[in-house]
Amino acid sequence: MTATPWWRNRRLLPWLLQGAVGLVVLLVIALLMTNLVRNLTAAGLLLSWRWLGQPAGFDLSETLLPFNASMSYGRALLVGLVNTLRVIVIALVGSSLLGLLVGMAAFSRNGLLRGLARVYVEVVRNVPLLLQLLFWYFVVFLALPDGTAALRLPAVVLAKSGLYLAGFSQGSWQLPQLANSGWQAPLHLSVEFAALLTGLITYIGAFIAEVVRGGIASVPRGQWEAAGALGLHWAASLRHIVLPQALRVIIPGLTNQYISLAKASSLALACGFTDLYSVAETTLNQTGRAVEVVLVLLAAYLSIDLLISATMNGLNRLVQVRER
């Protein structure tokens, strides 16, 4: 029996091709790393992480963790990371609720409600997020009146100095109150944080609404009819019959939108909010450690996106129909 030449061996060729591609990738990486080390050596900036322990020398306008200018760059980056996580978590919840409501409204029997949902989705999805953030920050929130002229809603005060929310303080429910130094409330959001949250929620919420609409549309029409035959009204049919089946289609699409939201949070700089990217940019300007700072940013956002992806993949496995 004649042996098959190696260039015709269907088992060997894929391994050879993958090995060749892997070798090329390694050579390119080695070339880039060699060039990087050479340039850093010429500039006298070899990779070092000692600067993380040096005093930052700048203050941060909004922090959850204690911070002052005498603390280290590492602490400043940690504070920025916590601020970024706060934005991402709240925006994920808000955009999910908004997207779910708008996606459900697309199947409402009310023509006006369906039309409003369609207009919202088409307008918001087709305007760049950066422009929307600038609109919410400069046109809406910075244009709010302050003091006694502030907009007052039940348990909420909208003012140029920020958003003031009612909450529990010292064991009792307290509403926002106007004092000599300005408005005071148990919960206070800066205009920068509020503008960023509003922009992210409305923008990502429009995309989630389309994901929800597509998921609901994937459920056979017979399911609606069967629910109606059982005496369930529209809302009950959607909640108990249609949405549980649509989750198998909705969750994979949500994963992409959640990851997009995490990456889009880096646009907080447009609203003046102190997030990880903002702190990293200030750190880079003061230390000149461009490579190290960029590596920190890459590692942080990559970790956040991988965590979101892993969580959603686990949730997706739970809602899939298991074949017997």
C-alpha atoms as a PDB file:
ATOM      1  CA  MET A   1       0.000   0.000   0.000  1.00  0.00           C
ATOM      2  CA  THR A   2       1.433   3.341  -1.084  1.00  0.00           C
ATOM      3  CA  ALA A   3       1.970   5.870   1.732  1.00  0.00           C
ATOM      4  CA  THR A   4       0.044   9.147   1.440  1.00  0.00           C
ATOM      5  CA  PRO A   5       2.341  12.164   0.852  1.00  0.00           C
ATOM      6  CA  TRP A   6       2.363  14.634   3.738  1.00  0.00           C
ATOM      7  CA  TRP A   7       0.928  17.456   1.590  1.00  0.00           C
ATOM      8  CA  ARG A   8      -2.172  15.288   0.973  1.00  0.00           C
ATOM      9  CA  ASN A   9      -2.599  14.027   4.530  1.00  0.00           C
ATOM     10  CA  ARG A  10      -5.876  15.511   5.759  1.00  0.00           C
ATOM     11  CA  ARG A  11      -5.012  14.806   9.383  1.00  0.00           C
ATOM     12  CA  LEU A  12      -1.510  16.261   9.268  1.00  0.00           C
ATOM     13  CA  LEU A  13      -2.174  19.381   7.179  1.00  0.00           C
ATOM     14  CA  PRO A  14      -4.439  21.168   9.734  1.00  0.00           C
ATOM     15  CA  TRP A  15      -1.807  20.699  12.442  1.00  0.00           C
ATOM     16  CA  LEU A  16       0.940  21.995  10.167  1.00  0.00           C
ATOM     17  CA  LEU A  17      -1.169  24.995   9.180  1.00  0.00           C
ATOM     18  CA  GLN A  18      -1.989  25.841  12.796  1.00  0.00           C
ATOM     19  CA  GLY A  19       1.664  25.467  13.766  1.00  0.00           C
ATOM     20  CA  ALA A  20       2.733  27.812  10.976  1.00  0.00           C
ATOM     21  CA  VAL A  21       0.144  30.432  11.958  1.00  0.00           C
ATOM     22  CA  GLY A  22       1.139  30.144  15.623  1.00  0.00           C
ATOM     23  CA  LEU A  23       4.801  30.607  14.722  1.00  0.00           C
ATOM     24  CA  VAL A  24       4.019  33.733  12.704  1.00  0.00           C
ATOM     25  CA  VAL A  25       1.990  35.169  15.594  1.00  0.00           C
ATOM     26  CA  LEU A  26       4.839  34.486  18.049  1.00  0.00           C
ATOM     27  CA  LEU A  27       7.354  36.129  15.703  1.00  0.00           C
ATOM     28  CA  VAL A  28       5.162  39.230  15.358  1.00  0.00           C
ATOM     29  CA  ILE A  29       4.729  39.459  19.152  1.00  0.00           C
ATOM     30  CA  ALA A  30       8.489  39.030  19.671  1.00  0.00           C
ATOM     31  CA  LEU A  31       9.183  41.750  17.104  1.00  0.00           C
ATOM     32  CA  LEU A  32       6.757  44.156  18.771  1.00  0.00           C
ATOM     33  CA  MET A  33       8.116  43.444  22.264  1.00  0.00           C
ATOM     34  CA  THR A  34      11.710  43.873  21.080  1.00  0.00           C
ATOM     35  CA  ASN A  35      10.815  47.201  19.482  1.00  0.00           C
ATOM     36  CA  LEU A  36       8.979  48.288  22.657  1.00  0.00           C
ATOM     37  CA  VAL A  37      11.909  47.436  24.943  1.00  0.00           C
ATOM     38  CA  ARG A  38      14.355  49.169  22.606  1.00  0.00           C
ATOM     39  CA  ASN A  39      12.306  52.375  22.532  1.00  0.00           C
ATOM     40  CA  LEU A  40      11.726  52.367  26.305  1.00  0.00           C
ATOM     41  CA  THR A  41      15.434  51.815  26.915  1.00  0.00           C
ATOM     42  CA  ALA A  42      16.310  54.725  24.630  1.00  0.00           C
ATOM     43  CA  ALA A  43      13.866  56.948  26.517  1.00  0.00           C
ATOM     44  CA  GLY A  44      15.071  55.741  29.919  1.00  0.00           C
ATOM     45  CA  LEU A  45      11.634  54.366  30.785  1.00  0.00           C
ATOM     46  CA  LEU A  46      12.022  50.668  31.405  1.00  0.00           C
ATOM     47  CA  LEU A  47       8.905  48.932  32.667  1.00  0.00           C
ATOM     48  CA  SER A  48       8.460  49.639  36.348  1.00  0.00           C
ATOM     49  CA  TRP A  49       5.579  49.590  38.824  1.00  0.00           C
ATOM     50  CA  ARG A  50       7.237  51.551  41.634  1.00  0.00           C
ATOM     51  CA  TRP A  51       5.292  54.653  40.653  1.00  0.00           C
ATOM     52  CA  LEU A  52       2.099  53.019  41.946  1.00  0.00           C
ATOM     53  CA  GLY A  53       3.275  53.683  45.500  1.00  0.00           C
ATOM     54  CA  GLN A  54       4.196  57.327  44.925  1.00  0.00           C
ATOM     55  CA  PRO A  55       1.885  60.160  46.131  1.00  0.00           C
ATOM     56  CA  ALA A  56      -0.618  61.078  43.449  1.00  0.00           C
ATOM     57  CA  GLY A  57      -0.621  64.800  44.174  1.00  0.00           C
ATOM     58  CA  PHE A  58      -4.149  65.370  42.888  1.00  0.00           C
ATOM     59  CA  ASP A  59      -7.650  65.170  44.357  1.00  0.00           C
ATOM     60  CA  LEU A  60     -10.684  63.368  42.972  1.00  0.00           C
ATOM     61  CA  SER A  61     -14.013  65.160  42.852  1.00  0.00           C
ATOM     62  CA  GLU A  62     -16.205  62.135  43.567  1.00  0.00           C
ATOM     63  CA  THR A  63     -15.189  59.019  45.468  1.00  0.00           C
ATOM     64  CA  LEU A  64     -16.753  56.153  47.374  1.00  0.00           C
ATOM     65  CA  LEU A  65     -13.440  55.248  49.003  1.00  0.00           C
ATOM     66  CA  PRO A  66     -11.504  57.764  51.111  1.00  0.00           C
ATOM     67  CA  PHE A  67      -8.882  59.564  49.040  1.00  0.00           C
ATOM     68  CA  ASN A  68      -6.695  62.651  49.186  1.00  0.00           C
ATOM     69  CA  ALA A  69      -3.717  64.024  47.269  1.00  0.00           C
ATOM     70  CA  SER A  70      -1.177  62.441  49.639  1.00  0.00           C
ATOM     71  CA  MET A  71      -2.338  58.922  48.763  1.00  0.00           C
ATOM     72  CA  SER A  72      -0.688  56.818  46.077  1.00  0.00           C
ATOM     73  CA  TYR A  73      -1.372  56.460  42.372  1.00  0.00           C
ATOM     74  CA  GLY A  74      -2.424  52.878  43.046  1.00  0.00           C
ATOM     75  CA  ARG A  75      -5.080  54.096  45.473  1.00  0.00           C
ATOM     76  CA  ALA A  76      -6.276  56.671  42.921  1.00  0.00           C
ATOM     77  CA  LEU A  77      -6.661  53.981  40.248  1.00  0.00           C
ATOM     78  CA  LEU A  78      -8.553  51.796  42.708  1.00  0.00           C
ATOM     79  CA  VAL A  79     -10.935  54.662  43.494  1.00  0.00           C
ATOM     80  CA  GLY A  80     -11.461  55.208  39.767  1.00  0.00           C
ATOM     81  CA  LEU A  81     -12.146  51.496  39.279  1.00  0.00           C
ATOM     82  CA  VAL A  82     -14.766  51.516  42.064  1.00  0.00           C
ATOM     83  CA  ASN A  83     -16.452  54.540  40.458  1.00  0.00           C
ATOM     84  CA  THR A  84     -16.486  52.747  37.101  1.00  0.00           C
ATOM     85  CA  LEU A  85     -18.000  49.622  38.644  1.00  0.00           C
ATOM     86  CA  ARG A  86     -20.675  51.724  40.340  1.00  0.00           C
ATOM     87  CA  VAL A  87     -21.652  53.268  37.017  1.00  0.00           C
ATOM     88  CA  ILE A  88     -21.679  49.911  35.224  1.00  0.00           C
ATOM     89  CA  VAL A  89     -23.781  48.103  37.832  1.00  0.00           C
ATOM     90  CA  ILE A  90     -26.426  50.830  38.133  1.00  0.00           C
ATOM     91  CA  ALA A  91     -26.547  51.374  34.360  1.00  0.00           C
ATOM     92  CA  LEU A  92     -26.925  47.623  33.763  1.00  0.00           C
ATOM     93  CA  VAL A  93     -29.955  47.483  36.035  1.00  0.00           C
ATOM     94  CA  GLY A  94     -31.494  50.699  34.693  1.00  0.00           C
ATOM     95  CA  SER A  95     -30.988  49.912  30.998  1.00  0.00           C
ATOM     96  CA  SER A  96     -32.311  46.376  31.483  1.00  0.00           C
ATOM     97  CA  LEU A  97     -35.532  47.646  33.066  1.00  0.00           C
ATOM     98  CA  LEU A  98     -35.963  50.367  30.448  1.00  0.00           C
ATOM     99  CA  GLY A  99     -35.209  47.998  27.571  1.00  0.00           C
ATOM    100  CA  LEU A 100     -37.629  45.406  28.932  1.00  0.00           C
ATOM    101  CA  LEU A 101     -40.463  47.937  29.231  1.00  0.00           C
ATOM    102  CA  VAL A 102     -39.883  49.414  25.770  1.00  0.00           C
ATOM    103  CA  GLY A 103     -39.464  45.974  24.206  1.00  0.00           C
ATOM    104  CA  MET A 104     -42.766  44.854  25.731  1.00  0.00           C
ATOM    105  CA  ALA A 105     -44.443  48.084  24.609  1.00  0.00           C
ATOM    106  CA  ALA A 106     -43.654  47.141  20.998  1.00  0.00           C
ATOM    107  CA  PHE A 107     -46.329  44.416  21.328  1.00  0.00           C
ATOM    108  CA  SER A 108     -48.890  46.559  23.130  1.00  0.00           C
ATOM    109  CA  ARG A 109     -52.428  46.788  21.767  1.00  0.00           C
ATOM    110  CA  ASN A 110     -52.172  50.567  22.192  1.00  0.00           C
ATOM    111  CA  GLY A 111     -51.019  52.038  18.882  1.00  0.00           C
ATOM    112  CA  LEU A 112     -49.713  55.244  20.473  1.00  0.00           C
ATOM    113  CA  LEU A 113     -47.556  53.278  22.927  1.00  0.00           C
ATOM    114  CA  ARG A 114     -46.158  51.135  20.103  1.00  0.00           C
ATOM    115  CA  GLY A 115     -45.367  54.248  18.089  1.00  0.00           C
ATOM    116  CA  LEU A 116     -43.602  55.980  20.974  1.00  0.00           C
ATOM    117  CA  ALA A 117     -41.515  52.878  21.619  1.00  0.00           C
ATOM    118  CA  ARG A 118     -40.524  52.722  17.942  1.00  0.00           C
ATOM    119  CA  VAL A 119     -39.593  56.412  17.801  1.00  0.00           C
ATOM    120  CA  TYR A 120     -37.504  56.149  20.983  1.00  0.00           C
ATOM    121  CA  VAL A 121     -35.556  53.147  19.683  1.00  0.00           C
ATOM    122  CA  GLU A 122     -34.909  54.607  16.228  1.00  0.00           C
ATOM    123  CA  VAL A 123     -33.851  58.047  17.480  1.00  0.00           C
ATOM    124  CA  VAL A 124     -31.594  56.921  20.326  1.00  0.00           C
ATOM    125  CA  ARG A 125     -29.892  54.097  18.414  1.00  0.00           C
ATOM    126  CA  ASN A 126     -28.956  56.391  15.522  1.00  0.00           C
ATOM    127  CA  VAL A 127     -27.382  59.223  17.544  1.00  0.00           C
ATOM    128  CA  PRO A 128     -23.776  58.703  18.749  1.00  0.00           C
ATOM    129  CA  LEU A 129     -23.470  58.068  22.476  1.00  0.00           C
ATOM    130  CA  LEU A 130     -20.896  60.844  22.913  1.00  0.00           C
ATOM    131  CA  LEU A 131     -23.342  63.433  21.550  1.00  0.00           C
ATOM    132  CA  GLN A 132     -26.051  62.124  23.839  1.00  0.00           C
ATOM    133  CA  LEU A 133     -23.789  62.388  26.890  1.00  0.00           C
ATOM    134  CA  LEU A 134     -22.902  65.973  25.973  1.00  0.00           C
ATOM    135  CA  PHE A 135     -26.599  66.741  25.518  1.00  0.00           C
ATOM    136  CA  TRP A 136     -27.614  65.352  28.903  1.00  0.00           C
ATOM    137  CA  TYR A 137     -24.713  67.055  30.691  1.00  0.00           C
ATOM    138  CA  PHE A 138     -24.584  70.530  29.131  1.00  0.00           C
ATOM    139  CA  VAL A 139     -28.123  71.008  27.803  1.00  0.00           C
ATOM    140  CA  VAL A 140     -30.193  69.257  30.463  1.00  0.00           C
ATOM    141  CA  PHE A 141     -28.473  68.904  33.825  1.00  0.00           C
ATOM    142  CA  LEU A 142     -26.286  72.018  33.823  1.00  0.00           C
ATOM    143  CA  ALA A 143     -29.314  74.038  32.713  1.00  0.00           C
ATOM    144  CA  LEU A 144     -31.327  73.045  35.795  1.00  0.00           C
ATOM    145  CA  PRO A 145     -32.180  75.842  38.252  1.00  0.00           C
ATOM    146  CA  ASP A 146     -30.809  75.784  41.776  1.00  0.00           C
ATOM    147  CA  GLY A 147     -31.963  76.822  45.205  1.00  0.00           C
ATOM    148  CA  THR A 148     -35.674  77.524  45.601  1.00  0.00           C
ATOM    149  CA  ALA A 149     -36.178  77.376  41.824  1.00  0.00           C
ATOM    150  CA  ALA A 150     -35.009  73.743  41.639  1.00  0.00           C
ATOM    151  CA  LEU A 151     -37.389  71.208  40.159  1.00  0.00           C
ATOM    152  CA  ARG A 152     -39.187  69.351  42.919  1.00  0.00           C
ATOM    153  CA  LEU A 153     -40.756  65.951  42.404  1.00  0.00           C
ATOM    154  CA  PRO A 154     -42.069  63.506  45.013  1.00  0.00           C
ATOM    155  CA  ALA A 155     -39.013  62.512  47.061  1.00  0.00           C
ATOM    156  CA  VAL A 156     -36.674  63.928  44.354  1.00  0.00           C
ATOM    157  CA  VAL A 157     -35.135  67.358  43.772  1.00  0.00           C
ATOM    158  CA  LEU A 158     -33.426  68.177  40.467  1.00  0.00           C
ATOM    159  CA  ALA A 159     -30.981  71.052  40.789  1.00  0.00           C
ATOM    160  CA  LYS A 160     -27.865  72.320  39.065  1.00  0.00           C
ATOM    161  CA  SER A 161     -25.854  71.204  42.077  1.00  0.00           C
ATOM    162  CA  GLY A 162     -27.061  67.610  41.673  1.00  0.00           C
ATOM    163  CA  LEU A 163     -29.912  65.205  42.267  1.00  0.00           C
ATOM    164  CA  TYR A 164     -31.215  64.868  45.806  1.00  0.00           C
ATOM    165  CA  LEU A 165     -33.176  61.751  46.723  1.00  0.00           C
ATOM    166  CA  ALA A 166     -35.200  60.895  49.799  1.00  0.00           C
ATOM    167  CA  GLY A 167     -34.087  57.966  51.922  1.00  0.00           C
ATOM    168  CA  PHE A 168     -33.652  56.593  55.405  1.00  0.00           C
ATOM    169  CA  SER A 169     -31.316  58.567  57.632  1.00  0.00           C
ATOM    170  CA  GLN A 170     -30.902  58.157  61.374  1.00  0.00           C
ATOM    171  CA  GLY A 171     -33.690  55.612  61.474  1.00  0.00           C
ATOM    172  CA  SER A 172     -36.374  57.724  59.768  1.00  0.00           C
ATOM    173  CA  TRP A 173     -37.535  58.569  56.263  1.00  0.00           C
ATOM    174  CA  GLN A 174     -36.274  62.018  55.250  1.00  0.00           C
ATOM    175  CA  LEU A 175     -37.096  64.143  52.212  1.00  0.00           C
ATOM    176  CA  PRO A 176     -34.698  66.589  50.533  1.00  0.00           C
ATOM    177  CA  GLN A 177     -34.586  69.884  52.396  1.00  0.00           C
ATOM    178  CA  LEU A 178     -33.300  73.336  51.487  1.00  0.00           C
ATOM    179  CA  ALA A 179     -30.817  74.719  54.019  1.00  0.00           C
ATOM    180  CA  ASN A 180     -28.593  77.786  54.042  1.00  0.00           C
ATOM    181  CA  SER A 181     -25.764  75.860  52.389  1.00  0.00           C
ATOM    182  CA  GLY A 182     -28.049  74.429  49.708  1.00  0.00           C
ATOM    183  CA  TRP A 183     -30.110  71.323  49.255  1.00  0.00           C
ATOM    184  CA  GLN A 184     -29.498  68.399  51.588  1.00  0.00           C
ATOM    185  CA  ALA A 185     -30.783  64.830  51.330  1.00  0.00           C
ATOM    186  CA  PRO A 186     -29.860  61.304  52.450  1.00  0.00           C
ATOM    187  CA  LEU A 187     -28.859  60.469  48.864  1.00  0.00           C
ATOM    188  CA  HIS A 188     -27.059  62.911  46.582  1.00  0.00           C
ATOM    189  CA  LEU A 189     -25.893  62.331  43.015  1.00  0.00           C
ATOM    190  CA  SER A 190     -23.620  64.807  41.266  1.00  0.00           C
ATOM    191  CA  VAL A 191     -24.737  66.205  37.910  1.00  0.00           C
ATOM    192  CA  GLU A 192     -21.763  64.470  36.259  1.00  0.00           C
ATOM    193  CA  PHE A 193     -22.784  61.088  37.613  1.00  0.00           C
ATOM    194  CA  ALA A 194     -26.466  61.669  36.818  1.00  0.00           C
ATOM    195  CA  ALA A 195     -25.752  62.782  33.239  1.00  0.00           C
ATOM    196  CA  LEU A 196     -23.504  59.789  32.608  1.00  0.00           C
ATOM    197  CA  LEU A 197     -26.051  57.352  34.038  1.00  0.00           C
ATOM    198  CA  THR A 198     -28.932  58.903  32.079  1.00  0.00           C
ATOM    199  CA  GLY A 199     -26.987  58.791  28.820  1.00  0.00           C
ATOM    200  CA  LEU A 200     -25.858  55.189  29.253  1.00  0.00           C
ATOM    201  CA  ILE A 201     -29.268  53.940  30.384  1.00  0.00           C
ATOM    202  CA  THR A 202     -31.210  55.589  27.563  1.00  0.00           C
ATOM    203  CA  TYR A 203     -28.663  54.569  24.904  1.00  0.00           C
ATOM    204  CA  ILE A 204     -28.098  50.937  25.891  1.00  0.00           C
ATOM    205  CA  GLY A 205     -31.775  50.629  26.850  1.00  0.00           C
ATOM    206  CA  ALA A 206     -32.749  51.252  23.206  1.00  0.00           C
ATOM    207  CA  PHE A 207     -30.552  48.377  22.026  1.00  0.00           C
ATOM    208  CA  ILE A 208     -31.841  46.084  24.779  1.00  0.00           C
ATOM    209  CA  ALA A 209     -35.393  46.972  23.732  1.00  0.00           C
ATOM    210  CA  GLU A 210     -34.649  45.610  20.260  1.00  0.00           C
ATOM    211  CA  VAL A 211     -33.167  42.450  21.780  1.00  0.00           C
ATOM    212  CA  VAL A 212     -36.284  41.975  23.903  1.00  0.00           C
ATOM    213  CA  ARG A 213     -38.567  42.686  20.941  1.00  0.00           C
ATOM    214  CA  GLY A 214     -36.739  40.113  18.826  1.00  0.00           C
ATOM    215  CA  GLY A 215     -36.926  37.547  21.619  1.00  0.00           C
ATOM    216  CA  ILE A 216     -40.662  38.038  22.071  1.00  0.00           C
ATOM    217  CA  ALA A 217     -41.221  37.890  18.303  1.00  0.00           C
ATOM    218  CA  SER A 218     -39.453  34.500  18.215  1.00  0.00           C
ATOM    219  CA  VAL A 219     -42.186  32.928  20.365  1.00  0.00           C
ATOM    220  CA  PRO A 220     -44.840  31.293  18.133  1.00  0.00           C
ATOM    221  CA  ARG A 221     -48.117  33.145  17.795  1.00  0.00           C
ATOM    222  CA  GLY A 222     -49.917  30.083  19.045  1.00  0.00           C
ATOM    223  CA  GLN A 223     -48.539  30.683  22.525  1.00  0.00           C
ATOM    224  CA  TRP A 224     -50.358  34.036  22.657  1.00  0.00           C
ATOM    225  CA  GLU A 225     -53.542  32.417  21.457  1.00  0.00           C
ATOM    226  CA  ALA A 226     -53.252  29.592  23.981  1.00  0.00           C
ATOM    227  CA  ALA A 227     -52.747  32.096  26.799  1.00  0.00           C
ATOM    228  CA  GLY A 228     -55.796  34.044  25.641  1.00  0.00           C
ATOM    229  CA  ALA A 229     -57.834  30.837  25.555  1.00  0.00           C
ATOM    230  CA  LEU A 230     -56.917  30.315  29.209  1.00  0.00           C
ATOM    231  CA  GLY A 231     -58.350  33.724  30.046  1.00  0.00           C
ATOM    232  CA  LEU A 232     -55.035  35.545  30.564  1.00  0.00           C
ATOM    233  CA  HIS A 233     -54.934  39.199  29.544  1.00  0.00           C
ATOM    234  CA  TRP A 234     -52.087  40.710  27.522  1.00  0.00           C
ATOM    235  CA  ALA A 235     -49.766  41.565  30.429  1.00  0.00           C
ATOM    236  CA  ALA A 236     -50.243  38.216  32.152  1.00  0.00           C
ATOM    237  CA  SER A 237     -49.682  36.329  28.888  1.00  0.00           C
ATOM    238  CA  LEU A 238     -46.460  38.226  28.316  1.00  0.00           C
ATOM    239  CA  ARG A 239     -45.202  37.750  31.843  1.00  0.00           C
ATOM    240  CA  HIS A 240     -46.100  34.105  32.488  1.00  0.00           C
ATOM    241  CA  ILE A 241     -46.096  32.524  29.019  1.00  0.00           C
ATOM    242  CA  VAL A 242     -44.137  34.506  26.421  1.00  0.00           C
ATOM    243  CA  LEU A 243     -41.202  36.068  28.293  1.00  0.00           C
ATOM    244  CA  PRO A 244     -39.989  32.821  29.926  1.00  0.00           C
ATOM    245  CA  GLN A 245     -39.767  31.244  26.464  1.00  0.00           C
ATOM    246  CA  ALA A 246     -38.180  34.342  24.918  1.00  0.00           C
ATOM    247  CA  LEU A 247     -35.312  34.366  27.445  1.00  0.00           C
ATOM    248  CA  ARG A 248     -33.473  31.712  25.423  1.00  0.00           C
ATOM    249  CA  VAL A 249     -33.186  34.239  22.600  1.00  0.00           C
ATOM    250  CA  ILE A 250     -32.875  37.389  24.696  1.00  0.00           C
ATOM    251  CA  ILE A 251     -29.976  36.490  27.012  1.00  0.00           C
ATOM    252  CA  PRO A 252     -27.272  35.953  24.320  1.00  0.00           C
ATOM    253  CA  GLY A 253     -28.133  39.373  22.872  1.00  0.00           C
ATOM    254  CA  LEU A 254     -28.059  40.949  26.321  1.00  0.00           C
ATOM    255  CA  THR A 255     -24.502  39.720  26.817  1.00  0.00           C
ATOM    256  CA  ASN A 256     -23.270  41.814  23.890  1.00  0.00           C
ATOM    257  CA  GLN A 257     -25.134  44.890  25.098  1.00  0.00           C
ATOM    258  CA  TYR A 258     -23.851  44.575  28.659  1.00  0.00           C
ATOM    259  CA  ILE A 259     -20.267  44.300  27.420  1.00  0.00           C
ATOM    260  CA  SER A 260     -20.841  47.318  25.175  1.00  0.00           C
ATOM    261  CA  LEU A 261     -22.131  49.255  28.182  1.00  0.00           C
ATOM    262  CA  ALA A 262     -19.038  48.399  30.231  1.00  0.00           C
ATOM    263  CA  LYS A 263     -16.770  49.668  27.458  1.00  0.00           C
ATOM    264  CA  ALA A 264     -18.917  52.740  26.786  1.00  0.00           C
ATOM    265  CA  SER A 265     -18.593  53.775  30.441  1.00  0.00           C
ATOM    266  CA  SER A 266     -15.085  55.022  29.571  1.00  0.00           C
ATOM    267  CA  LEU A 267     -16.812  58.003  27.904  1.00  0.00           C
ATOM    268  CA  ALA A 268     -17.446  59.364  31.406  1.00  0.00           C
ATOM    269  CA  LEU A 269     -14.684  61.866  30.672  1.00  0.00           C
ATOM    270  CA  ALA A 270     -17.165  63.776  28.465  1.00  0.00           C
ATOM    271  CA  CYS A 271     -19.316  64.452  31.536  1.00  0.00           C
ATOM    272  CA  GLY A 272     -16.413  65.235  33.864  1.00  0.00           C
ATOM    273  CA  PHE A 273     -17.068  62.157  35.999  1.00  0.00           C
ATOM    274  CA  THR A 274     -14.044  60.665  37.761  1.00  0.00           C
ATOM    275  CA  ASP A 275     -13.904  57.097  36.493  1.00  0.00           C
ATOM    276  CA  LEU A 276     -10.991  54.722  35.926  1.00  0.00           C
ATOM    277  CA  TYR A 277     -10.156  56.157  32.499  1.00  0.00           C
ATOM    278  CA  SER A 278     -10.152  59.717  33.816  1.00  0.00           C
ATOM    279  CA  VAL A 279      -7.830  58.826  36.707  1.00  0.00           C
ATOM    280  CA  ALA A 280      -5.577  56.824  34.384  1.00  0.00           C
ATOM    281  CA  GLU A 281      -5.269  59.753  31.983  1.00  0.00           C
ATOM    282  CA  THR A 282      -4.240  62.097  34.800  1.00  0.00           C
ATOM    283  CA  THR A 283      -1.787  59.497  36.094  1.00  0.00           C
ATOM    284  CA  LEU A 284      -0.253  59.067  32.648  1.00  0.00           C
ATOM    285  CA  ASN A 285       0.197  62.816  32.209  1.00  0.00           C
ATOM    286  CA  GLN A 286       1.988  63.127  35.560  1.00  0.00           C
ATOM    287  CA  THR A 287       4.135  59.999  35.492  1.00  0.00           C
ATOM    288  CA  GLY A 288       4.758  59.528  31.780  1.00  0.00           C
ATOM    289  CA  ARG A 289       4.223  55.777  32.277  1.00  0.00           C
ATOM    290  CA  ALA A 290       2.122  55.274  29.156  1.00  0.00           C
ATOM    291  CA  VAL A 291       2.730  51.550  28.721  1.00  0.00           C
ATOM    292  CA  GLU A 292       2.059  50.623  32.345  1.00  0.00           C
ATOM    293  CA  VAL A 293      -1.071  52.798  32.573  1.00  0.00           C
ATOM    294  CA  VAL A 294      -2.471  51.394  29.339  1.00  0.00           C
ATOM    295  CA  LEU A 295      -1.794  47.866  30.598  1.00  0.00           C
ATOM    296  CA  VAL A 296      -3.742  48.657  33.777  1.00  0.00           C
ATOM    297  CA  LEU A 297      -6.668  49.922  31.702  1.00  0.00           C
ATOM    298  CA  LEU A 298      -6.582  46.895  29.415  1.00  0.00           C
ATOM    299  CA  ALA A 299      -6.491  44.478  32.338  1.00  0.00           C
ATOM    300  CA  ALA A 300      -9.336  46.261  34.170  1.00  0.00           C
ATOM    301  CA  TYR A 301     -11.768  46.486  31.266  1.00  0.00           C
ATOM    302  CA  LEU A 302     -10.885  42.999  30.043  1.00  0.00           C
ATOM    303  CA  SER A 303     -11.578  41.569  33.507  1.00  0.00           C
ATOM    304  CA  ILE A 304     -14.914  43.379  33.734  1.00  0.00           C
ATOM    305  CA  ASP A 305     -16.002  42.177  30.285  1.00  0.00           C
ATOM    306  CA  LEU A 306     -14.923  38.592  30.970  1.00  0.00           C
ATOM    307  CA  LEU A 307     -16.822  38.624  34.275  1.00  0.00           C
ATOM    308  CA  ILE A 308     -19.981  39.866  32.533  1.00  0.00           C
ATOM    309  CA  SER A 309     -19.566  37.283  29.786  1.00  0.00           C
ATOM    310  CA  ALA A 310     -19.059  34.414  32.232  1.00  0.00           C
ATOM    311  CA  THR A 311     -22.078  35.456  34.311  1.00  0.00           C
ATOM    312  CA  MET A 312     -24.364  35.764  31.299  1.00  0.00           C
ATOM    313  CA  ASN A 313     -23.126  32.476  29.811  1.00  0.00           C
ATOM    314  CA  GLY A 314     -23.985  30.748  33.080  1.00  0.00           C
ATOM    315  CA  LEU A 315     -27.432  32.349  33.066  1.00  0.00           C
ATOM    316  CA  ASN A 316     -27.898  31.337  29.456  1.00  0.00           C
ATOM    317  CA  ARG A 317     -27.212  27.700  30.307  1.00  0.00           C
ATOM    318  CA  LEU A 318     -29.868  27.823  33.024  1.00  0.00           C
ATOM    319  CA  VAL A 319     -32.648  28.999  30.696  1.00  0.00           C
ATOM    320  CA  GLN A 320     -31.900  26.661  27.800  1.00  0.00           C
ATOM    321  CA  VAL A 321     -34.309  23.797  27.199  1.00  0.00           C
ATOM    322  CA  ARG A 322     -32.699  20.487  28.137  1.00  0.00           C
ATOM    323  CA  GLU A 323     -33.428  17.631  25.738  1.00  0.00           C
ATOM    324  CA  ARG A 324     -34.495  14.341  27.312  1.00  0.00           C
END
